Amino acid sequence: MKNQNIEDGKTSAIISYLSWIGLLIAFIMNNSKKNSFASFHIRQMIGLLLLQLIVGAIGSMMGIPTIARFLHLGLFILWLIGFIGCIKGEEKKIPILGDIFQEWFKGI
């Protein structure tokens, strides 16, 4: 049964990692028929997207592009970990922040 849940939600989960538009599409797709696997990855991606916006805003305000680049590289690595886990059919939380994202966005 768990395998079927993953297969049913895998498309939405993968779409959520493609961009903020993909995240919105996946959210809408998952809203009509809730799937725990898709919801897990949508929550992870919402957190990563918010972090990206915060890092971009802080980086532009501080005027220190080198630090912002390193932070964006770190976010890309976290995104890659989540995306690979999604493709493999795993509910693998991104390091450090995954638990926080799951708690903050548990209503999704």
N, C-alpha and C. Protein backbone atom coordinates (compact mmCIF):
# COMPACT_ATOMS: atom_id res chain seq x y z
N MET A 1 0.83 -1.19 0.00
CA MET A 1 0.00 0.00 0.00
C MET A 1 0.87 1.26 0.00
N LYS A 2 1.97 1.22 0.75
CA LYS A 2 2.87 2.37 0.81
C LYS A 2 3.46 2.67 -0.57
N ASN A 3 3.82 1.62 -1.31
CA ASN A 3 4.36 1.81 -2.65
C ASN A 3 3.36 2.50 -3.56
N GLN A 4 2.10 2.14 -3.46
CA GLN A 4 1.06 2.75 -4.30
C GLN A 4 0.91 4.23 -3.96
N ASN A 5 1.01 4.57 -2.68
CA ASN A 5 0.93 5.96 -2.25
C ASN A 5 2.07 6.78 -2.87
N ILE A 6 3.26 6.22 -2.90
CA ILE A 6 4.41 6.90 -3.49
C ILE A 6 4.19 7.08 -4.99
N GLU A 7 3.78 6.03 -5.67
CA GLU A 7 3.56 6.13 -7.12
C GLU A 7 2.47 7.13 -7.47
N ASP A 8 1.42 7.17 -6.65
CA ASP A 8 0.32 8.12 -6.91
C ASP A 8 0.76 9.57 -6.73
N GLY A 9 1.66 9.83 -5.80
CA GLY A 9 2.07 11.20 -5.50
C GLY A 9 3.38 11.63 -6.14
N LYS A 10 4.06 10.70 -6.81
CA LYS A 10 5.39 11.00 -7.33
C LYS A 10 5.39 12.12 -8.37
N THR A 11 4.40 12.13 -9.25
CA THR A 11 4.35 13.17 -10.29
C THR A 11 4.23 14.56 -9.66
N SER A 12 3.31 14.71 -8.74
CA SER A 12 3.14 16.00 -8.06
C SER A 12 4.40 16.39 -7.30
N ALA A 13 5.02 15.41 -6.65
CA ALA A 13 6.23 15.70 -5.88
C ALA A 13 7.35 16.18 -6.78
N ILE A 14 7.55 15.53 -7.90
CA ILE A 14 8.61 15.94 -8.83
C ILE A 14 8.32 17.32 -9.40
N ILE A 15 7.08 17.57 -9.77
CA ILE A 15 6.71 18.87 -10.33
C ILE A 15 6.99 19.99 -9.32
N SER A 16 6.80 19.70 -8.05
CA SER A 16 7.00 20.74 -7.02
C SER A 16 8.44 21.24 -6.98
N TYR A 17 9.39 20.42 -7.39
CA TYR A 17 10.80 20.81 -7.35
C TYR A 17 11.24 21.59 -8.58
N LEU A 18 10.40 21.74 -9.58
CA LEU A 18 10.85 22.34 -10.83
C LEU A 18 10.96 23.86 -10.79
N SER A 19 10.12 24.55 -10.11
CA SER A 19 10.19 26.00 -9.97
C SER A 19 9.06 26.43 -9.04
N TRP A 20 8.93 27.72 -8.82
CA TRP A 20 7.82 28.17 -7.98
C TRP A 20 6.49 27.94 -8.69
N ILE A 21 6.51 27.98 -10.02
CA ILE A 21 5.28 27.66 -10.77
C ILE A 21 4.95 26.17 -10.62
N GLY A 22 5.98 25.33 -10.70
CA GLY A 22 5.77 23.90 -10.48
C GLY A 22 5.25 23.61 -9.09
N LEU A 23 5.77 24.35 -8.11
CA LEU A 23 5.29 24.20 -6.74
C LEU A 23 3.82 24.54 -6.64
N LEU A 24 3.42 25.61 -7.28
CA LEU A 24 2.01 26.02 -7.28
C LEU A 24 1.14 24.97 -7.97
N ILE A 25 1.59 24.46 -9.10
CA ILE A 25 0.84 23.43 -9.82
C ILE A 25 0.71 22.17 -8.96
N ALA A 26 1.83 21.75 -8.34
CA ALA A 26 1.80 20.55 -7.49
C ALA A 26 0.87 20.74 -6.31
N PHE A 27 0.88 21.94 -5.73
CA PHE A 27 -0.01 22.24 -4.60
C PHE A 27 -1.46 22.09 -5.02
N ILE A 28 -1.80 22.63 -6.19
CA ILE A 28 -3.18 22.54 -6.69
C ILE A 28 -3.54 21.09 -7.00
N MET A 29 -2.61 20.37 -7.64
CA MET A 29 -2.86 18.95 -7.96
C MET A 29 -3.09 18.14 -6.69
N ASN A 30 -2.31 18.43 -5.66
CA ASN A 30 -2.40 17.67 -4.42
C ASN A 30 -3.59 18.09 -3.57
N ASN A 31 -4.10 19.28 -3.81
CA ASN A 31 -5.22 19.79 -3.02
C ASN A 31 -6.51 19.02 -3.30
N SER A 32 -6.69 18.57 -4.54
CA SER A 32 -7.92 17.86 -4.86
C SER A 32 -7.93 16.44 -4.29
N LYS A 33 -6.77 15.79 -4.33
CA LYS A 33 -6.65 14.43 -3.79
C LYS A 33 -5.36 14.37 -2.99
N LYS A 34 -5.48 14.51 -1.69
CA LYS A 34 -4.31 14.55 -0.82
C LYS A 34 -3.50 13.27 -0.91
N ASN A 35 -2.19 13.43 -1.02
CA ASN A 35 -1.26 12.32 -1.04
C ASN A 35 -0.13 12.68 -0.08
N SER A 36 0.16 11.81 0.87
CA SER A 36 1.14 12.13 1.90
C SER A 36 2.55 12.28 1.33
N PHE A 37 2.89 11.49 0.31
CA PHE A 37 4.22 11.59 -0.30
C PHE A 37 4.39 12.94 -1.00
N ALA A 38 3.40 13.33 -1.78
CA ALA A 38 3.46 14.63 -2.47
C ALA A 38 3.46 15.76 -1.46
N SER A 39 2.64 15.67 -0.43
CA SER A 39 2.58 16.72 0.59
C SER A 39 3.93 16.90 1.28
N PHE A 40 4.59 15.78 1.57
CA PHE A 40 5.91 15.83 2.20
C PHE A 40 6.88 16.66 1.36
N HIS A 41 6.95 16.36 0.08
CA HIS A 41 7.91 17.06 -0.79
C HIS A 41 7.47 18.49 -1.10
N ILE A 42 6.19 18.74 -1.13
CA ILE A 42 5.71 20.12 -1.32
C ILE A 42 6.13 20.96 -0.12
N ARG A 43 6.00 20.42 1.09
CA ARG A 43 6.44 21.14 2.29
C ARG A 43 7.93 21.44 2.26
N GLN A 44 8.73 20.46 1.83
CA GLN A 44 10.17 20.67 1.72
C GLN A 44 10.49 21.80 0.74
N MET A 45 9.81 21.79 -0.39
CA MET A 45 10.09 22.78 -1.43
C MET A 45 9.59 24.17 -1.04
N ILE A 46 8.48 24.26 -0.33
CA ILE A 46 8.02 25.57 0.15
C ILE A 46 9.09 26.19 1.06
N GLY A 47 9.63 25.40 1.94
CA GLY A 47 10.69 25.88 2.83
C GLY A 47 11.92 26.34 2.07
N LEU A 48 12.34 25.55 1.08
CA LEU A 48 13.51 25.92 0.29
C LEU A 48 13.26 27.20 -0.51
N LEU A 49 12.08 27.33 -1.06
CA LEU A 49 11.75 28.52 -1.83
C LEU A 49 11.75 29.77 -0.94
N LEU A 50 11.18 29.66 0.24
CA LEU A 50 11.19 30.79 1.16
C LEU A 50 12.62 31.16 1.58
N LEU A 51 13.44 30.15 1.82
CA LEU A 51 14.84 30.41 2.16
C LEU A 51 15.57 31.11 1.01
N GLN A 52 15.28 30.68 -0.20
CA GLN A 52 15.91 31.30 -1.36
C GLN A 52 15.53 32.78 -1.46
N LEU A 53 14.27 33.08 -1.23
CA LEU A 53 13.82 34.47 -1.25
C LEU A 53 14.50 35.30 -0.16
N ILE A 54 14.62 34.73 1.02
CA ILE A 54 15.25 35.43 2.14
C ILE A 54 16.73 35.67 1.86
N VAL A 55 17.42 34.64 1.38
CA VAL A 55 18.85 34.77 1.07
C VAL A 55 19.05 35.81 -0.03
N GLY A 56 18.21 35.79 -1.05
CA GLY A 56 18.31 36.78 -2.12
C GLY A 56 18.09 38.19 -1.62
N ALA A 57 17.11 38.38 -0.76
CA ALA A 57 16.81 39.72 -0.22
C ALA A 57 17.95 40.21 0.67
N ILE A 58 18.42 39.35 1.54
CA ILE A 58 19.50 39.75 2.45
C ILE A 58 20.78 40.02 1.65
N GLY A 59 21.07 39.16 0.68
CA GLY A 59 22.27 39.34 -0.14
C GLY A 59 22.25 40.64 -0.92
N SER A 60 21.09 41.01 -1.44
CA SER A 60 21.02 42.26 -2.20
C SER A 60 21.06 43.48 -1.29
N MET A 61 20.50 43.37 -0.09
CA MET A 61 20.53 44.51 0.83
C MET A 61 21.93 44.73 1.39
N MET A 62 22.63 43.65 1.67
CA MET A 62 23.97 43.76 2.25
C MET A 62 25.01 44.14 1.20
N GLY A 63 24.73 43.86 -0.04
CA GLY A 63 25.69 44.17 -1.08
C GLY A 63 26.93 43.30 -1.05
N ILE A 64 26.78 42.08 -0.54
CA ILE A 64 27.92 41.16 -0.47
C ILE A 64 27.59 39.94 -1.35
N PRO A 65 27.83 40.04 -2.64
CA PRO A 65 27.42 38.98 -3.55
C PRO A 65 28.16 37.65 -3.33
N THR A 66 29.37 37.68 -2.81
CA THR A 66 30.12 36.44 -2.61
C THR A 66 29.44 35.55 -1.57
N ILE A 67 29.04 36.15 -0.46
CA ILE A 67 28.36 35.38 0.58
C ILE A 67 27.02 34.86 0.07
N ALA A 68 26.29 35.71 -0.66
CA ALA A 68 25.01 35.29 -1.22
C ALA A 68 25.19 34.13 -2.18
N ARG A 69 26.26 34.15 -2.97
CA ARG A 69 26.51 33.04 -3.90
C ARG A 69 26.75 31.73 -3.15
N PHE A 70 27.53 31.79 -2.07
CA PHE A 70 27.77 30.58 -1.28
C PHE A 70 26.48 30.06 -0.64
N LEU A 71 25.65 30.97 -0.17
CA LEU A 71 24.38 30.57 0.42
C LEU A 71 23.46 29.95 -0.64
N HIS A 72 23.44 30.55 -1.83
CA HIS A 72 22.63 29.99 -2.92
C HIS A 72 23.16 28.62 -3.35
N LEU A 73 24.47 28.45 -3.33
CA LEU A 73 25.05 27.14 -3.64
C LEU A 73 24.62 26.11 -2.60
N GLY A 74 24.61 26.50 -1.34
CA GLY A 74 24.13 25.61 -0.28
C GLY A 74 22.67 25.25 -0.47
N LEU A 75 21.86 26.22 -0.84
CA LEU A 75 20.44 25.95 -1.09
C LEU A 75 20.26 25.02 -2.29
N PHE A 76 21.09 25.20 -3.31
CA PHE A 76 21.03 24.31 -4.46
C PHE A 76 21.36 22.87 -4.06
N ILE A 77 22.34 22.71 -3.20
CA ILE A 77 22.70 21.36 -2.73
C ILE A 77 21.55 20.75 -1.94
N LEU A 78 20.91 21.54 -1.09
CA LEU A 78 19.75 21.05 -0.35
C LEU A 78 18.61 20.69 -1.30
N TRP A 79 18.38 21.53 -2.32
CA TRP A 79 17.35 21.25 -3.33
C TRP A 79 17.67 19.92 -4.03
N LEU A 80 18.93 19.73 -4.39
CA LEU A 80 19.35 18.51 -5.09
C LEU A 80 19.11 17.27 -4.23
N ILE A 81 19.40 17.36 -2.95
CA ILE A 81 19.17 16.24 -2.02
C ILE A 81 17.68 15.90 -1.98
N GLY A 82 16.84 16.92 -1.86
CA GLY A 82 15.39 16.68 -1.84
C GLY A 82 14.88 16.11 -3.15
N PHE A 83 15.36 16.65 -4.26
CA PHE A 83 14.91 16.21 -5.58
C PHE A 83 15.32 14.76 -5.85
N ILE A 84 16.54 14.40 -5.53
CA ILE A 84 17.00 13.02 -5.72
C ILE A 84 16.19 12.07 -4.84
N GLY A 85 15.93 12.45 -3.60
CA GLY A 85 15.09 11.63 -2.72
C GLY A 85 13.70 11.45 -3.29
N CYS A 86 13.17 12.50 -3.87
CA CYS A 86 11.83 12.44 -4.48
C CYS A 86 11.81 11.46 -5.65
N ILE A 87 12.80 11.56 -6.51
CA ILE A 87 12.87 10.66 -7.67
C ILE A 87 13.02 9.20 -7.23
N LYS A 88 13.77 8.98 -6.16
CA LYS A 88 13.95 7.62 -5.64
C LYS A 88 12.73 7.11 -4.90
N GLY A 89 11.76 7.97 -4.64
CA GLY A 89 10.57 7.56 -3.92
C GLY A 89 10.76 7.53 -2.41
N GLU A 90 11.66 8.36 -1.91
CA GLU A 90 11.95 8.41 -0.48
C GLU A 90 11.40 9.69 0.13
N GLU A 91 10.97 9.61 1.36
CA GLU A 91 10.60 10.81 2.11
C GLU A 91 11.82 11.23 2.92
N LYS A 92 12.83 11.67 2.20
CA LYS A 92 14.10 12.04 2.81
C LYS A 92 14.10 13.54 3.08
N LYS A 93 14.18 13.89 4.37
CA LYS A 93 14.19 15.30 4.75
C LYS A 93 15.54 15.91 4.39
N ILE A 94 15.49 17.18 3.97
CA ILE A 94 16.74 17.86 3.68
C ILE A 94 17.47 18.07 5.00
N PRO A 95 18.81 18.03 4.96
CA PRO A 95 19.58 18.17 6.19
C PRO A 95 19.29 19.49 6.92
N ILE A 96 19.34 19.45 8.20
CA ILE A 96 19.23 20.57 9.12
C ILE A 96 17.81 21.15 9.19
N LEU A 97 17.22 21.49 8.05
CA LEU A 97 15.97 22.23 8.03
C LEU A 97 14.72 21.40 7.72
N GLY A 98 14.89 20.17 7.29
CA GLY A 98 13.76 19.35 6.87
C GLY A 98 12.69 19.18 7.93
N ASP A 99 13.12 18.91 9.16
CA ASP A 99 12.16 18.74 10.26
C ASP A 99 11.39 20.04 10.53
N ILE A 100 12.10 21.15 10.44
CA ILE A 100 11.46 22.45 10.68
C ILE A 100 10.40 22.71 9.61
N PHE A 101 10.74 22.45 8.35
CA PHE A 101 9.79 22.68 7.26
C PHE A 101 8.55 21.79 7.42
N GLN A 102 8.75 20.55 7.83
CA GLN A 102 7.62 19.64 8.01
C GLN A 102 6.70 20.15 9.12
N GLU A 103 7.28 20.71 10.17
CA GLU A 103 6.49 21.23 11.29
C GLU A 103 5.77 22.52 10.90
N TRP A 104 6.48 23.44 10.29
CA TRP A 104 5.90 24.74 9.93
C TRP A 104 4.75 24.61 8.95
N PHE A 105 4.88 23.70 7.99
CA PHE A 105 3.89 23.61 6.92
C PHE A 105 3.06 22.33 7.02
N LYS A 106 2.85 21.84 8.24
CA LYS A 106 2.13 20.57 8.41
C LYS A 106 0.68 20.61 7.96
N GLY A 107 0.11 21.78 7.77
CA GLY A 107 -1.26 21.89 7.31
C GLY A 107 -1.43 21.62 5.81
N ILE A 108 -0.32 21.44 5.14
CA ILE A 108 -0.37 21.24 3.67
C ILE A 108 -0.40 19.75 3.37
